Amino acid sequence: MDMFRAYAHAFQSGITVVKHAGHVLIVFGLLAMWLGPYNWDTPWILTTMILLVASVVYLARAFKPTMRTLDTPQFQKEKFVRNLRRGAIIYTILLCIMLWLMVTKPILW
């Protein structure tokens, strides 16, 4: 269990780094839109920014409640791992969608 706890704390540290990097990414994304050639109402920019903010909120809500169960009577290892895995997969899908939007710059409306 000590090794599992160490992995869980390493995962939590990774979440913290990604969360703060997301905040920085939002600031630089807004700065790039302000200084760049694209309008603020460009569909792919709006969609990307909405997904970016949503992903930061999702990151906090998907992992924090699960991480809080570690070392409590409510802790169930299988459920804990399943929730973290599902959260990581959904978060990765959100990031891939944002990357696709920024690379392909589709006309959405």
PDB file of N, CA and C in Angstrom:
ATOM      1  N   MET A   1       0.822  -1.198   0.000  1.00  0.00           N
ATOM      2  CA  MET A   1       0.000   0.000   0.000  1.00  0.00           C
ATOM      3  C   MET A   1       0.863   1.258   0.000  1.00  0.00           C
ATOM      4  N   ASP A   2       2.047   1.167   0.596  1.00  0.00           N
ATOM      5  CA  ASP A   2       2.934   2.343   0.609  1.00  0.00           C
ATOM      6  C   ASP A   2       3.355   2.735  -0.798  1.00  0.00           C
ATOM      7  N   MET A   3       3.631   1.726  -1.631  1.00  0.00           N
ATOM      8  CA  MET A   3       4.014   1.994  -3.012  1.00  0.00           C
ATOM      9  C   MET A   3       2.844   2.617  -3.773  1.00  0.00           C
ATOM     10  N   PHE A   4       1.633   2.116  -3.540  1.00  0.00           N
ATOM     11  CA  PHE A   4       0.441   2.664  -4.183  1.00  0.00           C
ATOM     12  C   PHE A   4       0.237   4.117  -3.770  1.00  0.00           C
ATOM     13  N   ARG A   5       0.419   4.396  -2.490  1.00  0.00           N
ATOM     14  CA  ARG A   5       0.302   5.762  -1.976  1.00  0.00           C
ATOM     15  C   ARG A   5       1.320   6.688  -2.658  1.00  0.00           C
ATOM     16  N   ALA A   6       2.523   6.201  -2.871  1.00  0.00           N
ATOM     17  CA  ALA A   6       3.558   6.997  -3.540  1.00  0.00           C
ATOM     18  C   ALA A   6       3.156   7.299  -4.982  1.00  0.00           C
ATOM     19  N   TYR A   7       2.595   6.302  -5.667  1.00  0.00           N
ATOM     20  CA  TYR A   7       2.112   6.526  -7.035  1.00  0.00           C
ATOM     21  C   TYR A   7       0.972   7.541  -7.055  1.00  0.00           C
ATOM     22  N   ALA A   8       0.071   7.438  -6.091  1.00  0.00           N
ATOM     23  CA  ALA A   8      -1.065   8.366  -6.020  1.00  0.00           C
ATOM     24  C   ALA A   8      -0.585   9.790  -5.771  1.00  0.00           C
ATOM     25  N   HIS A   9       0.402   9.958  -4.908  1.00  0.00           N
ATOM     26  CA  HIS A   9       0.935  11.300  -4.646  1.00  0.00           C
ATOM     27  C   HIS A   9       1.690  11.848  -5.860  1.00  0.00           C
ATOM     28  N   ALA A  10       2.382  10.974  -6.580  1.00  0.00           N
ATOM     29  CA  ALA A  10       3.044  11.408  -7.821  1.00  0.00           C
ATOM     30  C   ALA A  10       2.003  11.832  -8.857  1.00  0.00           C
ATOM     31  N   PHE A  11       0.900  11.090  -8.940  1.00  0.00           N
ATOM     32  CA  PHE A  11      -0.188  11.441  -9.848  1.00  0.00           C
ATOM     33  C   PHE A  11      -0.765  12.801  -9.458  1.00  0.00           C
ATOM     34  N   GLN A  12      -0.961  13.017  -8.162  1.00  0.00           N
ATOM     35  CA  GLN A  12      -1.475  14.302  -7.674  1.00  0.00           C
ATOM     36  C   GLN A  12      -0.521  15.442  -8.028  1.00  0.00           C
ATOM     37  N   SER A  13       0.757  15.216  -7.923  1.00  0.00           N
ATOM     38  CA  SER A  13       1.738  16.243  -8.296  1.00  0.00           C
ATOM     39  C   SER A  13       1.650  16.560  -9.778  1.00  0.00           C
ATOM     40  N   GLY A  14       1.475  15.528 -10.591  1.00  0.00           N
ATOM     41  CA  GLY A  14       1.299  15.734 -12.032  1.00  0.00           C
ATOM     42  C   GLY A  14       0.053  16.538 -12.337  1.00  0.00           C
ATOM     43  N   ILE A  15      -1.040  16.264 -11.639  1.00  0.00           N
ATOM     44  CA  ILE A  15      -2.272  17.023 -11.814  1.00  0.00           C
ATOM     45  C   ILE A  15      -2.044  18.491 -11.477  1.00  0.00           C
ATOM     46  N   THR A  16      -1.335  18.749 -10.393  1.00  0.00           N
ATOM     47  CA  THR A  16      -1.061  20.126  -9.982  1.00  0.00           C
ATOM     48  C   THR A  16      -0.252  20.863 -11.043  1.00  0.00           C
ATOM     49  N   VAL A  17       0.765  20.215 -11.582  1.00  0.00           N
ATOM     50  CA  VAL A  17       1.586  20.846 -12.619  1.00  0.00           C
ATOM     51  C   VAL A  17       0.746  21.136 -13.864  1.00  0.00           C
ATOM     52  N   VAL A  18      -0.060  20.163 -14.290  1.00  0.00           N
ATOM     53  CA  VAL A  18      -0.893  20.344 -15.485  1.00  0.00           C
ATOM     54  C   VAL A  18      -1.914  21.452 -15.258  1.00  0.00           C
ATOM     55  N   LYS A  19      -2.483  21.517 -14.065  1.00  0.00           N
ATOM     56  CA  LYS A  19      -3.479  22.547 -13.752  1.00  0.00           C
ATOM     57  C   LYS A  19      -2.857  23.941 -13.859  1.00  0.00           C
ATOM     58  N   HIS A  20      -1.701  24.127 -13.257  1.00  0.00           N
ATOM     59  CA  HIS A  20      -1.059  25.442 -13.320  1.00  0.00           C
ATOM     60  C   HIS A  20      -0.562  25.761 -14.729  1.00  0.00           C
ATOM     61  N   ALA A  21      -0.119  24.756 -15.451  1.00  0.00           N
ATOM     62  CA  ALA A  21       0.277  24.973 -16.849  1.00  0.00           C
ATOM     63  C   ALA A  21      -0.938  25.380 -17.682  1.00  0.00           C
ATOM     64  N   GLY A  22      -2.095  24.853 -17.361  1.00  0.00           N
ATOM     65  CA  GLY A  22      -3.326  25.244 -18.044  1.00  0.00           C
ATOM     66  C   GLY A  22      -3.667  26.702 -17.821  1.00  0.00           C
ATOM     67  N   HIS A  23      -3.443  27.180 -16.601  1.00  0.00           N
ATOM     68  CA  HIS A  23      -3.665  28.600 -16.315  1.00  0.00           C
ATOM     69  C   HIS A  23      -2.731  29.468 -17.158  1.00  0.00           C
ATOM     70  N   VAL A  24      -1.477  29.078 -17.227  1.00  0.00           N
ATOM     71  CA  VAL A  24      -0.506  29.819 -18.036  1.00  0.00           C
ATOM     72  C   VAL A  24      -0.897  29.765 -19.510  1.00  0.00           C
ATOM     73  N   LEU A  25      -1.353  28.608 -19.973  1.00  0.00           N
ATOM     74  CA  LEU A  25      -1.762  28.454 -21.358  1.00  0.00           C
ATOM     75  C   LEU A  25      -2.943  29.360 -21.696  1.00  0.00           C
ATOM     76  N   ILE A  26      -3.886  29.492 -20.788  1.00  0.00           N
ATOM     77  CA  ILE A  26      -5.020  30.386 -21.009  1.00  0.00           C
ATOM     78  C   ILE A  26      -4.540  31.825 -21.157  1.00  0.00           C
ATOM     79  N   VAL A  27      -3.651  32.254 -20.274  1.00  0.00           N
ATOM     80  CA  VAL A  27      -3.130  33.629 -20.332  1.00  0.00           C
ATOM     81  C   VAL A  27      -2.402  33.861 -21.654  1.00  0.00           C
ATOM     82  N   PHE A  28      -1.533  32.938 -22.050  1.00  0.00           N
ATOM     83  CA  PHE A  28      -0.791  33.112 -23.296  1.00  0.00           C
ATOM     84  C   PHE A  28      -1.699  32.980 -24.522  1.00  0.00           C
ATOM     85  N   GLY A  29      -2.725  32.147 -24.424  1.00  0.00           N
ATOM     86  CA  GLY A  29      -3.689  32.050 -25.517  1.00  0.00           C
ATOM     87  C   GLY A  29      -4.437  33.354 -25.715  1.00  0.00           C
ATOM     88  N   LEU A  30      -4.857  33.956 -24.618  1.00  0.00           N
ATOM     89  CA  LEU A  30      -5.527  35.256 -24.705  1.00  0.00           C
ATOM     90  C   LEU A  30      -4.588  36.324 -25.254  1.00  0.00           C
ATOM     91  N   LEU A  31      -3.351  36.310 -24.821  1.00  0.00           N
ATOM     92  CA  LEU A  31      -2.353  37.262 -25.305  1.00  0.00           C
ATOM     93  C   LEU A  31      -2.098  37.067 -26.800  1.00  0.00           C
ATOM     94  N   ALA A  32      -1.987  35.826 -27.247  1.00  0.00           N
ATOM     95  CA  ALA A  32      -1.763  35.539 -28.667  1.00  0.00           C
ATOM     96  C   ALA A  32      -2.947  35.990 -29.515  1.00  0.00           C
ATOM     97  N   MET A  33      -4.162  35.818 -28.987  1.00  0.00           N
ATOM     98  CA  MET A  33      -5.338  36.280 -29.731  1.00  0.00           C
ATOM     99  C   MET A  33      -5.354  37.801 -29.816  1.00  0.00           C
ATOM    100  N   TRP A  34      -4.972  38.446 -28.750  1.00  0.00           N
ATOM    101  CA  TRP A  34      -4.985  39.913 -28.710  1.00  0.00           C
ATOM    102  C   TRP A  34      -3.948  40.496 -29.668  1.00  0.00           C
ATOM    103  N   LEU A  35      -2.758  39.876 -29.716  1.00  0.00           N
ATOM    104  CA  LEU A  35      -1.667  40.381 -30.543  1.00  0.00           C
ATOM    105  C   LEU A  35      -1.641  39.772 -31.952  1.00  0.00           C
ATOM    106  N   GLY A  36      -2.344  38.663 -32.148  1.00  0.00           N
ATOM    107  CA  GLY A  36      -2.277  37.940 -33.410  1.00  0.00           C
ATOM    108  C   GLY A  36      -3.235  38.455 -34.471  1.00  0.00           C
ATOM    109  N   PRO A  37      -3.211  37.809 -35.630  1.00  0.00           N
ATOM    110  CA  PRO A  37      -4.016  38.259 -36.768  1.00  0.00           C
ATOM    111  C   PRO A  37      -5.478  37.807 -36.733  1.00  0.00           C
ATOM    112  N   TYR A  38      -5.849  36.946 -35.795  1.00  0.00           N
ATOM    113  CA  TYR A  38      -7.201  36.410 -35.768  1.00  0.00           C
ATOM    114  C   TYR A  38      -8.118  37.256 -34.899  1.00  0.00           C
ATOM    115  N   ASN A  39      -9.393  37.306 -35.295  1.00  0.00           N
ATOM    116  CA  ASN A  39     -10.389  38.024 -34.512  1.00  0.00           C
ATOM    117  C   ASN A  39     -10.807  37.191 -33.305  1.00  0.00           C
ATOM    118  N   TRP A  40     -11.296  37.867 -32.288  1.00  0.00           N
ATOM    119  CA  TRP A  40     -11.750  37.190 -31.078  1.00  0.00           C
ATOM    120  C   TRP A  40     -12.954  36.300 -31.346  1.00  0.00           C
ATOM    121  N   ASP A  41     -13.741  36.643 -32.360  1.00  0.00           N
ATOM    122  CA  ASP A  41     -14.944  35.865 -32.620  1.00  0.00           C
ATOM    123  C   ASP A  41     -14.740  34.779 -33.672  1.00  0.00           C
ATOM    124  N   THR A  42     -13.501  34.453 -33.977  1.00  0.00           N
ATOM    125  CA  THR A  42     -13.207  33.346 -34.882  1.00  0.00           C
ATOM    126  C   THR A  42     -13.678  32.055 -34.202  1.00  0.00           C
ATOM    127  N   PRO A  43     -14.500  31.261 -34.900  1.00  0.00           N
ATOM    128  CA  PRO A  43     -15.114  30.091 -34.261  1.00  0.00           C
ATOM    129  C   PRO A  43     -14.133  29.121 -33.602  1.00  0.00           C
ATOM    130  N   TRP A  44     -13.042  28.799 -34.270  1.00  0.00           N
ATOM    131  CA  TRP A  44     -12.123  27.832 -33.681  1.00  0.00           C
ATOM    132  C   TRP A  44     -11.429  28.403 -32.460  1.00  0.00           C
ATOM    133  N   ILE A  45     -11.219  29.712 -32.409  1.00  0.00           N
ATOM    134  CA  ILE A  45     -10.601  30.326 -31.229  1.00  0.00           C
ATOM    135  C   ILE A  45     -11.576  30.295 -30.056  1.00  0.00           C
ATOM    136  N   LEU A  46     -12.811  30.689 -30.300  1.00  0.00           N
ATOM    137  CA  LEU A  46     -13.805  30.664 -29.225  1.00  0.00           C
ATOM    138  C   LEU A  46     -14.004  29.253 -28.679  1.00  0.00           C
ATOM    139  N   THR A  47     -14.119  28.294 -29.583  1.00  0.00           N
ATOM    140  CA  THR A  47     -14.324  26.907 -29.161  1.00  0.00           C
ATOM    141  C   THR A  47     -13.125  26.393 -28.377  1.00  0.00           C
ATOM    142  N   THR A  48     -11.924  26.711 -28.846  1.00  0.00           N
ATOM    143  CA  THR A  48     -10.713  26.276 -28.142  1.00  0.00           C
ATOM    144  C   THR A  48     -10.639  26.896 -26.751  1.00  0.00           C
ATOM    145  N   MET A  49     -10.939  28.180 -26.637  1.00  0.00           N
ATOM    146  CA  MET A  49     -10.865  28.842 -25.328  1.00  0.00           C
ATOM    147  C   MET A  49     -11.927  28.296 -24.372  1.00  0.00           C
ATOM    148  N   ILE A  50     -13.117  28.038 -24.888  1.00  0.00           N
ATOM    149  CA  ILE A  50     -14.160  27.459 -24.035  1.00  0.00           C
ATOM    150  C   ILE A  50     -13.732  26.076 -23.549  1.00  0.00           C
ATOM    151  N   LEU A  51     -13.196  25.264 -24.455  1.00  0.00           N
ATOM    152  CA  LEU A  51     -12.720  23.935 -24.063  1.00  0.00           C
ATOM    153  C   LEU A  51     -11.536  24.013 -23.107  1.00  0.00           C
ATOM    154  N   LEU A  52     -10.685  25.000 -23.289  1.00  0.00           N
ATOM    155  CA  LEU A  52      -9.530  25.159 -22.411  1.00  0.00           C
ATOM    156  C   LEU A  52      -9.967  25.488 -20.989  1.00  0.00           C
ATOM    157  N   VAL A  53     -10.876  26.421 -20.854  1.00  0.00           N
ATOM    158  CA  VAL A  53     -11.392  26.768 -19.525  1.00  0.00           C
ATOM    159  C   VAL A  53     -12.138  25.571 -18.937  1.00  0.00           C
ATOM    160  N   ALA A  54     -12.945  24.912 -19.761  1.00  0.00           N
ATOM    161  CA  ALA A  54     -13.686  23.740 -19.287  1.00  0.00           C
ATOM    162  C   ALA A  54     -12.737  22.628 -18.840  1.00  0.00           C
ATOM    163  N   SER A  55     -11.625  22.465 -19.537  1.00  0.00           N
ATOM    164  CA  SER A  55     -10.688  21.399 -19.168  1.00  0.00           C
ATOM    165  C   SER A  55      -9.993  21.689 -17.846  1.00  0.00           C
ATOM    166  N   VAL A  56      -9.719  22.958 -17.557  1.00  0.00           N
ATOM    167  CA  VAL A  56      -9.109  23.305 -16.270  1.00  0.00           C
ATOM    168  C   VAL A  56     -10.102  23.034 -15.135  1.00  0.00           C
ATOM    169  N   VAL A  57     -11.369  23.397 -15.367  1.00  0.00           N
ATOM    170  CA  VAL A  57     -12.405  23.121 -14.367  1.00  0.00           C
ATOM    171  C   VAL A  57     -12.583  21.614 -14.213  1.00  0.00           C
ATOM    172  N   TYR A  58     -12.622  20.898 -15.331  1.00  0.00           N
ATOM    173  CA  TYR A  58     -12.771  19.447 -15.298  1.00  0.00           C
ATOM    174  C   TYR A  58     -11.610  18.798 -14.549  1.00  0.00           C
ATOM    175  N   LEU A  59     -10.417  19.287 -14.779  1.00  0.00           N
ATOM    176  CA  LEU A  59      -9.238  18.725 -14.128  1.00  0.00           C
ATOM    177  C   LEU A  59      -9.386  18.754 -12.611  1.00  0.00           C
ATOM    178  N   ALA A  60      -9.877  19.872 -12.092  1.00  0.00           N
ATOM    179  CA  ALA A  60     -10.056  19.992 -10.647  1.00  0.00           C
ATOM    180  C   ALA A  60     -11.183  19.089 -10.149  1.00  0.00           C
ATOM    181  N   ARG A  61     -12.277  19.044 -10.877  1.00  0.00           N
ATOM    182  CA  ARG A  61     -13.444  18.291 -10.413  1.00  0.00           C
ATOM    183  C   ARG A  61     -13.331  16.786 -10.644  1.00  0.00           C
ATOM    184  N   ALA A  62     -12.560  16.385 -11.610  1.00  0.00           N
ATOM    185  CA  ALA A  62     -12.468  14.955 -11.916  1.00  0.00           C
ATOM    186  C   ALA A  62     -11.541  14.227 -10.953  1.00  0.00           C
ATOM    187  N   PHE A  63     -10.502  14.882 -10.511  1.00  0.00           N
ATOM    188  CA  PHE A  63      -9.488  14.181  -9.733  1.00  0.00           C
ATOM    189  C   PHE A  63      -9.515  14.487  -8.239  1.00  0.00           C
ATOM    190  N   LYS A  64      -9.838  15.697  -7.864  1.00  0.00           N
ATOM    191  CA  LYS A  64      -9.767  16.081  -6.450  1.00  0.00           C
ATOM    192  C   LYS A  64     -10.659  15.219  -5.556  1.00  0.00           C
ATOM    193  N   PRO A  65     -11.950  15.008  -5.881  1.00  0.00           N
ATOM    194  CA  PRO A  65     -12.770  14.162  -5.000  1.00  0.00           C
ATOM    195  C   PRO A  65     -12.231  12.741  -4.864  1.00  0.00           C
ATOM    196  N   THR A  66     -11.722  12.199  -5.961  1.00  0.00           N
ATOM    197  CA  THR A  66     -11.158  10.852  -5.904  1.00  0.00           C
ATOM    198  C   THR A  66      -9.895  10.831  -5.063  1.00  0.00           C
ATOM    199  N   MET A  67      -9.026  11.808  -5.251  1.00  0.00           N
ATOM    200  CA  MET A  67      -7.771  11.851  -4.495  1.00  0.00           C
ATOM    201  C   MET A  67      -8.021  12.027  -2.997  1.00  0.00           C
ATOM    202  N   ARG A  68      -9.101  12.700  -2.652  1.00  0.00           N
ATOM    203  CA  ARG A  68      -9.412  12.908  -1.224  1.00  0.00           C
ATOM    204  C   ARG A  68      -9.794  11.618  -0.519  1.00  0.00           C
ATOM    205  N   THR A  69     -10.210  10.592  -1.262  1.00  0.00           N
ATOM    206  CA  THR A  69     -10.605   9.335  -0.614  1.00  0.00           C
ATOM    207  C   THR A  69      -9.401   8.495  -0.185  1.00  0.00           C
ATOM    208  N   LEU A  70      -8.223   8.824  -0.690  1.00  0.00           N
ATOM    209  CA  LEU A  70      -7.018   8.080  -0.315  1.00  0.00           C
ATOM    210  C   LEU A  70      -6.809   8.193   1.190  1.00  0.00           C
ATOM    211  N   ASP A  71      -6.537   7.091   1.842  1.00  0.00           N
ATOM    212  CA  ASP A  71      -6.316   7.020   3.299  1.00  0.00           C
ATOM    213  C   ASP A  71      -7.553   7.379   4.116  1.00  0.00           C
ATOM    214  N   THR A  72      -8.730   7.119   3.558  1.00  0.00           N
ATOM    215  CA  THR A  72      -9.974   7.300   4.308  1.00  0.00           C
ATOM    216  C   THR A  72     -10.723   5.965   4.326  1.00  0.00           C
ATOM    217  N   PRO A  73     -11.711   5.848   5.178  1.00  0.00           N
ATOM    218  CA  PRO A  73     -12.493   4.596   5.188  1.00  0.00           C
ATOM    219  C   PRO A  73     -13.257   4.353   3.884  1.00  0.00           C
ATOM    220  N   GLN A  74     -13.540   5.396   3.119  1.00  0.00           N
ATOM    221  CA  GLN A  74     -14.269   5.246   1.860  1.00  0.00           C
ATOM    222  C   GLN A  74     -13.378   4.758   0.713  1.00  0.00           C
ATOM    223  N   PHE A  75     -12.084   4.632   0.935  1.00  0.00           N
ATOM    224  CA  PHE A  75     -11.138   4.264  -0.121  1.00  0.00           C
ATOM    225  C   PHE A  75     -11.387   2.844  -0.606  1.00  0.00           C
ATOM    226  N   GLN A  76     -11.540   2.713  -1.919  1.00  0.00           N
ATOM    227  CA  GLN A  76     -11.622   1.410  -2.581  1.00  0.00           C
ATOM    228  C   GLN A  76     -10.648   1.470  -3.752  1.00  0.00           C
ATOM    229  N   LYS A  77      -9.619   0.652  -3.690  1.00  0.00           N
ATOM    230  CA  LYS A  77      -8.533   0.732  -4.659  1.00  0.00           C
ATOM    231  C   LYS A  77      -9.017   0.612  -6.100  1.00  0.00           C
ATOM    232  N   GLU A  78      -9.879  -0.342  -6.403  1.00  0.00           N
ATOM    233  CA  GLU A  78     -10.334  -0.541  -7.776  1.00  0.00           C
ATOM    234  C   GLU A  78     -11.118   0.673  -8.282  1.00  0.00           C
ATOM    235  N   LYS A  79     -12.013   1.170  -7.449  1.00  0.00           N
ATOM    236  CA  LYS A  79     -12.804   2.344  -7.830  1.00  0.00           C
ATOM    237  C   LYS A  79     -11.908   3.570  -7.988  1.00  0.00           C
ATOM    238  N   PHE A  80     -10.929   3.710  -7.102  1.00  0.00           N
ATOM    239  CA  PHE A  80      -9.971   4.819  -7.132  1.00  0.00           C
ATOM    240  C   PHE A  80      -9.216   4.822  -8.465  1.00  0.00           C
ATOM    241  N   VAL A  81      -8.666   3.675  -8.834  1.00  0.00           N
ATOM    242  CA  VAL A  81      -7.894   3.564 -10.080  1.00  0.00           C
ATOM    243  C   VAL A  81      -8.798   3.764 -11.292  1.00  0.00           C
ATOM    244  N   ARG A  82      -9.990   3.192 -11.262  1.00  0.00           N
ATOM    245  CA  ARG A  82     -10.931   3.329 -12.380  1.00  0.00           C
ATOM    246  C   ARG A  82     -11.310   4.802 -12.597  1.00  0.00           C
ATOM    247  N   ASN A  83     -11.586   5.529 -11.504  1.00  0.00           N
ATOM    248  CA  ASN A  83     -11.950   6.942 -11.619  1.00  0.00           C
ATOM    249  C   ASN A  83     -10.790   7.782 -12.159  1.00  0.00           C
ATOM    250  N   LEU A  84      -9.587   7.512 -11.671  1.00  0.00           N
ATOM    251  CA  LEU A  84      -8.425   8.267 -12.159  1.00  0.00           C
ATOM    252  C   LEU A  84      -8.151   7.961 -13.625  1.00  0.00           C
ATOM    253  N   ARG A  85      -8.273   6.701 -14.010  1.00  0.00           N
ATOM    254  CA  ARG A  85      -8.043   6.319 -15.412  1.00  0.00           C
ATOM    255  C   ARG A  85      -9.077   6.981 -16.323  1.00  0.00           C
ATOM    256  N   ARG A  86     -10.351   6.907 -15.938  1.00  0.00           N
ATOM    257  CA  ARG A  86     -11.409   7.523 -16.739  1.00  0.00           C
ATOM    258  C   ARG A  86     -11.194   9.030 -16.852  1.00  0.00           C
ATOM    259  N   GLY A  87     -10.851   9.675 -15.745  1.00  0.00           N
ATOM    260  CA  GLY A  87     -10.597  11.119 -15.767  1.00  0.00           C
ATOM    261  C   GLY A  87      -9.435  11.483 -16.675  1.00  0.00           C
ATOM    262  N   ALA A  88      -8.374  10.696 -16.624  1.00  0.00           N
ATOM    263  CA  ALA A  88      -7.210  10.972 -17.470  1.00  0.00           C
ATOM    264  C   ALA A  88      -7.544  10.786 -18.953  1.00  0.00           C
ATOM    265  N   ILE A  89      -8.346   9.780 -19.270  1.00  0.00           N
ATOM    266  CA  ILE A  89      -8.725   9.543 -20.667  1.00  0.00           C
ATOM    267  C   ILE A  89      -9.591  10.687 -21.183  1.00  0.00           C
ATOM    268  N   ILE A  90     -10.577  11.099 -20.410  1.00  0.00           N
ATOM    269  CA  ILE A  90     -11.446  12.207 -20.829  1.00  0.00           C
ATOM    270  C   ILE A  90     -10.642  13.484 -20.980  1.00  0.00           C
ATOM    271  N   TYR A  91      -9.736  13.753 -20.049  1.00  0.00           N
ATOM    272  CA  TYR A  91      -8.917  14.960 -20.127  1.00  0.00           C
ATOM    273  C   TYR A  91      -8.017  14.924 -21.362  1.00  0.00           C
ATOM    274  N   THR A  92      -7.462  13.772 -21.674  1.00  0.00           N
ATOM    275  CA  THR A  92      -6.617  13.636 -22.858  1.00  0.00           C
ATOM    276  C   THR A  92      -7.427  13.868 -24.133  1.00  0.00           C
ATOM    277  N   ILE A  93      -8.653  13.372 -24.165  1.00  0.00           N
ATOM    278  CA  ILE A  93      -9.522  13.606 -25.321  1.00  0.00           C
ATOM    279  C   ILE A  93      -9.802  15.101 -25.482  1.00  0.00           C
ATOM    280  N   LEU A  94     -10.087  15.794 -24.374  1.00  0.00           N
ATOM    281  CA  LEU A  94     -10.291  17.251 -24.438  1.00  0.00           C
ATOM    282  C   LEU A  94      -9.065  17.954 -25.008  1.00  0.00           C
ATOM    283  N   LEU A  95      -7.883  17.561 -24.551  1.00  0.00           N
ATOM    284  CA  LEU A  95      -6.653  18.175 -25.049  1.00  0.00           C
ATOM    285  C   LEU A  95      -6.442  17.889 -26.537  1.00  0.00           C
ATOM    286  N   CYS A  96      -6.759  16.680 -26.967  1.00  0.00           N
ATOM    287  CA  CYS A  96      -6.617  16.341 -28.394  1.00  0.00           C
ATOM    288  C   CYS A  96      -7.586  17.139 -29.260  1.00  0.00           C
ATOM    289  N   ILE A  97      -8.804  17.353 -28.778  1.00  0.00           N
ATOM    290  CA  ILE A  97      -9.773  18.167 -29.519  1.00  0.00           C
ATOM    291  C   ILE A  97      -9.265  19.594 -29.646  1.00  0.00           C
ATOM    292  N   MET A  98      -8.725  20.143 -28.547  1.00  0.00           N
ATOM    293  CA  MET A  98      -8.187  21.514 -28.601  1.00  0.00           C
ATOM    294  C   MET A  98      -7.007  21.597 -29.560  1.00  0.00           C
ATOM    295  N   LEU A  99      -6.143  20.603 -29.533  1.00  0.00           N
ATOM    296  CA  LEU A  99      -5.002  20.584 -30.448  1.00  0.00           C
ATOM    297  C   LEU A  99      -5.480  20.524 -31.892  1.00  0.00           C
ATOM    298  N   TRP A 100      -6.470  19.679 -32.171  1.00  0.00           N
ATOM    299  CA  TRP A 100      -7.031  19.585 -33.509  1.00  0.00           C
ATOM    300  C   TRP A 100      -7.593  20.936 -33.950  1.00  0.00           C
ATOM    301  N   LEU A 101      -8.323  21.615 -33.068  1.00  0.00           N
ATOM    302  CA  LEU A 101      -8.886  22.924 -33.407  1.00  0.00           C
ATOM    303  C   LEU A 101      -7.789  23.938 -33.744  1.00  0.00           C
ATOM    304  N   MET A 102      -6.710  23.930 -32.965  1.00  0.00           N
ATOM    305  CA  MET A 102      -5.647  24.911 -33.177  1.00  0.00           C
ATOM    306  C   MET A 102      -4.821  24.609 -34.425  1.00  0.00           C
ATOM    307  N   VAL A 103      -4.708  23.350 -34.791  1.00  0.00           N
ATOM    308  CA  VAL A 103      -3.907  22.983 -35.965  1.00  0.00           C
ATOM    309  C   VAL A 103      -4.717  23.144 -37.252  1.00  0.00           C
ATOM    310  N   THR A 104      -5.948  22.635 -37.279  1.00  0.00           N
ATOM    311  CA  THR A 104      -6.721  22.644 -38.510  1.00  0.00           C
ATOM    312  C   THR A 104      -7.511  23.941 -38.731  1.00  0.00           C
ATOM    313  N   LYS A 105      -7.787  24.666 -37.649  1.00  0.00           N
ATOM    314  CA  LYS A 105      -8.537  25.927 -37.717  1.00  0.00           C
ATOM    315  C   LYS A 105      -9.816  25.793 -38.565  1.00  0.00           C
ATOM    316  N   PRO A 106     -10.704  24.867 -38.165  1.00  0.00           N
ATOM    317  CA  PRO A 106     -11.893  24.625 -38.995  1.00  0.00           C
ATOM    318  C   PRO A 106     -12.898  25.782 -38.913  1.00  0.00           C
ATOM    319  N   ILE A 107     -13.694  25.899 -39.939  1.00  0.00           N
ATOM    320  CA  ILE A 107     -14.779  26.882 -39.942  1.00  0.00           C
ATOM    321  C   ILE A 107     -15.997  26.158 -39.353  1.00  0.00           C
ATOM    322  N   LEU A 108     -16.344  26.493 -38.122  1.00  0.00           N
ATOM    323  CA  LEU A 108     -17.397  25.774 -37.414  1.00  0.00           C
ATOM    324  C   LEU A 108     -18.777  26.374 -37.628  1.00  0.00           C
ATOM    325  N   TRP A 109     -18.833  27.698 -37.843  1.00  0.00           N
ATOM    326  CA  TRP A 109     -20.119  28.358 -38.132  1.00  0.00           C
ATOM    327  C   TRP A 109     -19.895  29.594 -38.919  1.00  0.00           C
TER     328      TRP A 109
END
